[in-house]
Amino acid sequence: MYAALWRLLPGPTWLKLLEALVLVALVLIVLMTLVFPAVEPLLPFDDVTVGG
């Protein structure tokens, strides 16, 4: 999968590396700002069973 993505990116190796880093950064930004906050209320992190 990563090899196919690498072949699809245009330019020389240094530009492909830069483009790949930008894509990773964009995915992380989307996850941190949209996906994780939307899923957080559904996670059972508030269900503490120690000390009861």
PDB file of N, CA and C in Angstrom:
ATOM      1  N   MET A   1       0.830  -1.191   0.000  1.00  0.00           N
ATOM      2  CA  MET A   1       0.000   0.000   0.000  1.00  0.00           C
ATOM      3  C   MET A   1       0.869   1.248   0.000  1.00  0.00           C
ATOM      4  N   TYR A   2       1.898   1.261   0.850  1.00  0.00           N
ATOM      5  CA  TYR A   2       2.754   2.433   0.910  1.00  0.00           C
ATOM      6  C   TYR A   2       3.587   2.570  -0.355  1.00  0.00           C
ATOM      7  N   ALA A   3       3.979   1.448  -0.947  1.00  0.00           N
ATOM      8  CA  ALA A   3       4.736   1.496  -2.197  1.00  0.00           C
ATOM      9  C   ALA A   3       3.877   2.068  -3.321  1.00  0.00           C
ATOM     10  N   ALA A   4       2.604   1.708  -3.348  1.00  0.00           N
ATOM     11  CA  ALA A   4       1.705   2.247  -4.368  1.00  0.00           C
ATOM     12  C   ALA A   4       1.531   3.755  -4.184  1.00  0.00           C
ATOM     13  N   LEU A   5       1.406   4.188  -2.954  1.00  0.00           N
ATOM     14  CA  LEU A   5       1.300   5.625  -2.676  1.00  0.00           C
ATOM     15  C   LEU A   5       2.577   6.342  -3.094  1.00  0.00           C
ATOM     16  N   TRP A   6       3.713   5.725  -2.803  1.00  0.00           N
ATOM     17  CA  TRP A   6       5.005   6.319  -3.154  1.00  0.00           C
ATOM     18  C   TRP A   6       5.124   6.474  -4.665  1.00  0.00           C
ATOM     19  N   ARG A   7       4.657   5.481  -5.421  1.00  0.00           N
ATOM     20  CA  ARG A   7       4.729   5.555  -6.888  1.00  0.00           C
ATOM     21  C   ARG A   7       3.775   6.606  -7.435  1.00  0.00           C
ATOM     22  N   LEU A   8       2.664   6.867  -6.753  1.00  0.00           N
ATOM     23  CA  LEU A   8       1.689   7.850  -7.236  1.00  0.00           C
ATOM     24  C   LEU A   8       2.137   9.292  -7.007  1.00  0.00           C
ATOM     25  N   LEU A   9       2.997   9.512  -6.020  1.00  0.00           N
ATOM     26  CA  LEU A   9       3.441  10.874  -5.732  1.00  0.00           C
ATOM     27  C   LEU A   9       4.376  11.357  -6.838  1.00  0.00           C
ATOM     28  N   PRO A  10       4.150  12.581  -7.332  1.00  0.00           N
ATOM     29  CA  PRO A  10       4.990  13.092  -8.416  1.00  0.00           C
ATOM     30  C   PRO A  10       6.296  13.681  -7.889  1.00  0.00           C
ATOM     31  N   GLY A  11       7.299  13.725  -8.754  1.00  0.00           N
ATOM     32  CA  GLY A  11       8.540  14.404  -8.435  1.00  0.00           C
ATOM     33  C   GLY A  11       9.672  13.481  -8.045  1.00  0.00           C
ATOM     34  N   PRO A  12      10.824  14.097  -7.769  1.00  0.00           N
ATOM     35  CA  PRO A  12      11.987  13.314  -7.330  1.00  0.00           C
ATOM     36  C   PRO A  12      11.816  12.828  -5.885  1.00  0.00           C
ATOM     37  N   THR A  13      12.778  12.060  -5.429  1.00  0.00           N
ATOM     38  CA  THR A  13      12.675  11.419  -4.113  1.00  0.00           C
ATOM     39  C   THR A  13      12.502  12.426  -2.986  1.00  0.00           C
ATOM     40  N   TRP A  14      13.262  13.533  -3.015  1.00  0.00           N
ATOM     41  CA  TRP A  14      13.170  14.500  -1.920  1.00  0.00           C
ATOM     42  C   TRP A  14      11.781  15.142  -1.881  1.00  0.00           C
ATOM     43  N   LEU A  15      11.183  15.354  -3.071  1.00  0.00           N
ATOM     44  CA  LEU A  15       9.848  15.944  -3.120  1.00  0.00           C
ATOM     45  C   LEU A  15       8.795  14.933  -2.669  1.00  0.00           C
ATOM     46  N   LYS A  16       8.965  13.665  -3.050  1.00  0.00           N
ATOM     47  CA  LYS A  16       8.047  12.621  -2.595  1.00  0.00           C
ATOM     48  C   LYS A  16       8.069  12.512  -1.074  1.00  0.00           C
ATOM     49  N   LEU A  17       9.250  12.607  -0.492  1.00  0.00           N
ATOM     50  CA  LEU A  17       9.366  12.548   0.959  1.00  0.00           C
ATOM     51  C   LEU A  17       8.637  13.719   1.608  1.00  0.00           C
ATOM     52  N   LEU A  18       8.818  14.903   1.069  1.00  0.00           N
ATOM     53  CA  LEU A  18       8.136  16.082   1.591  1.00  0.00           C
ATOM     54  C   LEU A  18       6.617  15.946   1.447  1.00  0.00           C
ATOM     55  N   GLU A  19       6.165  15.474   0.302  1.00  0.00           N
ATOM     56  CA  GLU A  19       4.730  15.287   0.090  1.00  0.00           C
ATOM     57  C   GLU A  19       4.161  14.240   1.047  1.00  0.00           C
ATOM     58  N   ALA A  20       4.904  13.164   1.260  1.00  0.00           N
ATOM     59  CA  ALA A  20       4.444  12.121   2.188  1.00  0.00           C
ATOM     60  C   ALA A  20       4.342  12.665   3.606  1.00  0.00           C
ATOM     61  N   LEU A  21       5.301  13.484   4.021  1.00  0.00           N
ATOM     62  CA  LEU A  21       5.252  14.081   5.358  1.00  0.00           C
ATOM     63  C   LEU A  21       4.074  15.030   5.502  1.00  0.00           C
ATOM     64  N   VAL A  22       3.783  15.783   4.453  1.00  0.00           N
ATOM     65  CA  VAL A  22       2.633  16.683   4.485  1.00  0.00           C
ATOM     66  C   VAL A  22       1.335  15.885   4.572  1.00  0.00           C
ATOM     67  N   LEU A  23       1.255  14.782   3.828  1.00  0.00           N
ATOM     68  CA  LEU A  23       0.058  13.943   3.899  1.00  0.00           C
ATOM     69  C   LEU A  23      -0.132  13.342   5.287  1.00  0.00           C
ATOM     70  N   VAL A  24       0.946  12.899   5.907  1.00  0.00           N
ATOM     71  CA  VAL A  24       0.863  12.352   7.263  1.00  0.00           C
ATOM     72  C   VAL A  24       0.408  13.436   8.236  1.00  0.00           C
ATOM     73  N   ALA A  25       0.956  14.637   8.095  1.00  0.00           N
ATOM     74  CA  ALA A  25       0.564  15.742   8.966  1.00  0.00           C
ATOM     75  C   ALA A  25      -0.923  16.073   8.794  1.00  0.00           C
ATOM     76  N   LEU A  26      -1.394  16.071   7.556  1.00  0.00           N
ATOM     77  CA  LEU A  26      -2.809  16.366   7.314  1.00  0.00           C
ATOM     78  C   LEU A  26      -3.719  15.296   7.925  1.00  0.00           C
ATOM     79  N   VAL A  27      -3.328  14.043   7.812  1.00  0.00           N
ATOM     80  CA  VAL A  27      -4.126  12.967   8.408  1.00  0.00           C
ATOM     81  C   VAL A  27      -4.165  13.127   9.920  1.00  0.00           C
ATOM     82  N   LEU A  28      -3.027  13.436  10.533  1.00  0.00           N
ATOM     83  CA  LEU A  28      -2.996  13.624  11.983  1.00  0.00           C
ATOM     84  C   LEU A  28      -3.852  14.811  12.419  1.00  0.00           C
ATOM     85  N   ILE A  29      -3.807  15.889  11.674  1.00  0.00           N
ATOM     86  CA  ILE A  29      -4.614  17.069  12.005  1.00  0.00           C
ATOM     87  C   ILE A  29      -6.102  16.737  11.934  1.00  0.00           C
ATOM     88  N   VAL A  30      -6.509  16.030  10.893  1.00  0.00           N
ATOM     89  CA  VAL A  30      -7.922  15.651  10.760  1.00  0.00           C
ATOM     90  C   VAL A  30      -8.338  14.732  11.900  1.00  0.00           C
ATOM     91  N   LEU A  31      -7.471  13.768  12.247  1.00  0.00           N
ATOM     92  CA  LEU A  31      -7.800  12.867  13.349  1.00  0.00           C
ATOM     93  C   LEU A  31      -7.930  13.625  14.665  1.00  0.00           C
ATOM     94  N   MET A  32      -6.998  14.507  14.955  1.00  0.00           N
ATOM     95  CA  MET A  32      -7.000  15.209  16.245  1.00  0.00           C
ATOM     96  C   MET A  32      -8.119  16.241  16.363  1.00  0.00           C
ATOM     97  N   THR A  33      -8.524  16.847  15.254  1.00  0.00           N
ATOM     98  CA  THR A  33      -9.519  17.912  15.337  1.00  0.00           C
ATOM     99  C   THR A  33     -10.947  17.442  15.079  1.00  0.00           C
ATOM    100  N   LEU A  34     -11.126  16.377  14.296  1.00  0.00           N
ATOM    101  CA  LEU A  34     -12.474  15.956  13.942  1.00  0.00           C
ATOM    102  C   LEU A  34     -12.840  14.571  14.476  1.00  0.00           C
ATOM    103  N   VAL A  35     -12.012  13.598  14.219  1.00  0.00           N
ATOM    104  CA  VAL A  35     -12.386  12.217  14.513  1.00  0.00           C
ATOM    105  C   VAL A  35     -12.316  11.919  16.007  1.00  0.00           C
ATOM    106  N   PHE A  36     -11.175  12.168  16.633  1.00  0.00           N
ATOM    107  CA  PHE A  36     -11.020  11.826  18.046  1.00  0.00           C
ATOM    108  C   PHE A  36     -12.003  12.567  18.957  1.00  0.00           C
ATOM    109  N   PRO A  37     -12.242  13.871  18.760  1.00  0.00           N
ATOM    110  CA  PRO A  37     -13.251  14.526  19.617  1.00  0.00           C
ATOM    111  C   PRO A  37     -14.663  13.966  19.407  1.00  0.00           C
ATOM    112  N   ALA A  38     -14.975  13.507  18.205  1.00  0.00           N
ATOM    113  CA  ALA A  38     -16.308  12.957  17.962  1.00  0.00           C
ATOM    114  C   ALA A  38     -16.468  11.582  18.610  1.00  0.00           C
ATOM    115  N   VAL A  39     -15.390  10.817  18.694  1.00  0.00           N
ATOM    116  CA  VAL A  39     -15.456   9.459  19.232  1.00  0.00           C
ATOM    117  C   VAL A  39     -15.259   9.444  20.749  1.00  0.00           C
ATOM    118  N   GLU A  40     -14.651  10.447  21.311  1.00  0.00           N
ATOM    119  CA  GLU A  40     -14.298  10.482  22.733  1.00  0.00           C
ATOM    120  C   GLU A  40     -15.486  10.253  23.668  1.00  0.00           C
ATOM    121  N   PRO A  41     -16.661  10.816  23.433  1.00  0.00           N
ATOM    122  CA  PRO A  41     -17.779  10.545  24.356  1.00  0.00           C
ATOM    123  C   PRO A  41     -18.218   9.086  24.358  1.00  0.00           C
ATOM    124  N   LEU A  42     -17.899   8.350  23.345  1.00  0.00           N
ATOM    125  CA  LEU A  42     -18.307   6.953  23.250  1.00  0.00           C
ATOM    126  C   LEU A  42     -17.332   6.003  23.946  1.00  0.00           C
ATOM    127  N   LEU A  43     -16.174   6.482  24.351  1.00  0.00           N
ATOM    128  CA  LEU A  43     -15.157   5.638  24.967  1.00  0.00           C
ATOM    129  C   LEU A  43     -15.389   5.527  26.471  1.00  0.00           C
ATOM    130  N   PRO A  44     -15.081   4.366  27.063  1.00  0.00           N
ATOM    131  CA  PRO A  44     -15.394   4.126  28.470  1.00  0.00           C
ATOM    132  C   PRO A  44     -14.287   4.567  29.433  1.00  0.00           C
ATOM    133  N   PHE A  45     -13.621   5.688  29.198  1.00  0.00           N
ATOM    134  CA  PHE A  45     -12.525   6.111  30.057  1.00  0.00           C
ATOM    135  C   PHE A  45     -13.008   6.673  31.393  1.00  0.00           C
ATOM    136  N   ASP A  46     -14.266   7.044  31.506  1.00  0.00           N
ATOM    137  CA  ASP A  46     -14.799   7.597  32.741  1.00  0.00           C
ATOM    138  C   ASP A  46     -15.327   6.508  33.681  1.00  0.00           C
ATOM    139  N   ASP A  47     -15.335   5.277  33.232  1.00  0.00           N
ATOM    140  CA  ASP A  47     -15.838   4.168  34.036  1.00  0.00           C
ATOM    141  C   ASP A  47     -14.719   3.620  34.912  1.00  0.00           C
ATOM    142  N   VAL A  48     -14.429   4.295  36.012  1.00  0.00           N
ATOM    143  CA  VAL A  48     -13.363   3.877  36.915  1.00  0.00           C
ATOM    144  C   VAL A  48     -13.929   2.905  37.939  1.00  0.00           C
ATOM    145  N   THR A  49     -13.266   1.760  38.095  1.00  0.00           N
ATOM    146  CA  THR A  49     -13.764   0.749  39.035  1.00  0.00           C
ATOM    147  C   THR A  49     -12.816   0.545  40.210  1.00  0.00           C
ATOM    148  N   VAL A  50     -11.741   1.303  40.298  1.00  0.00           N
ATOM    149  CA  VAL A  50     -10.765   1.130  41.365  1.00  0.00           C
ATOM    150  C   VAL A  50     -11.185   1.981  42.571  1.00  0.00           C
ATOM    151  N   GLY A  51     -11.121   1.432  43.767  1.00  0.00           N
ATOM    152  CA  GLY A  51     -11.397   2.175  44.984  1.00  0.00           C
ATOM    153  C   GLY A  51     -12.858   2.284  45.346  1.00  0.00           C
ATOM    154  N   GLY A  52     -13.694   1.484  44.790  1.00  0.00           N
ATOM    155  CA  GLY A  52     -15.119   1.592  45.054  1.00  0.00           C
ATOM    156  C   GLY A  52     -15.491   0.709  46.166  1.00  0.00           C
TER     157      GLY A  52
END
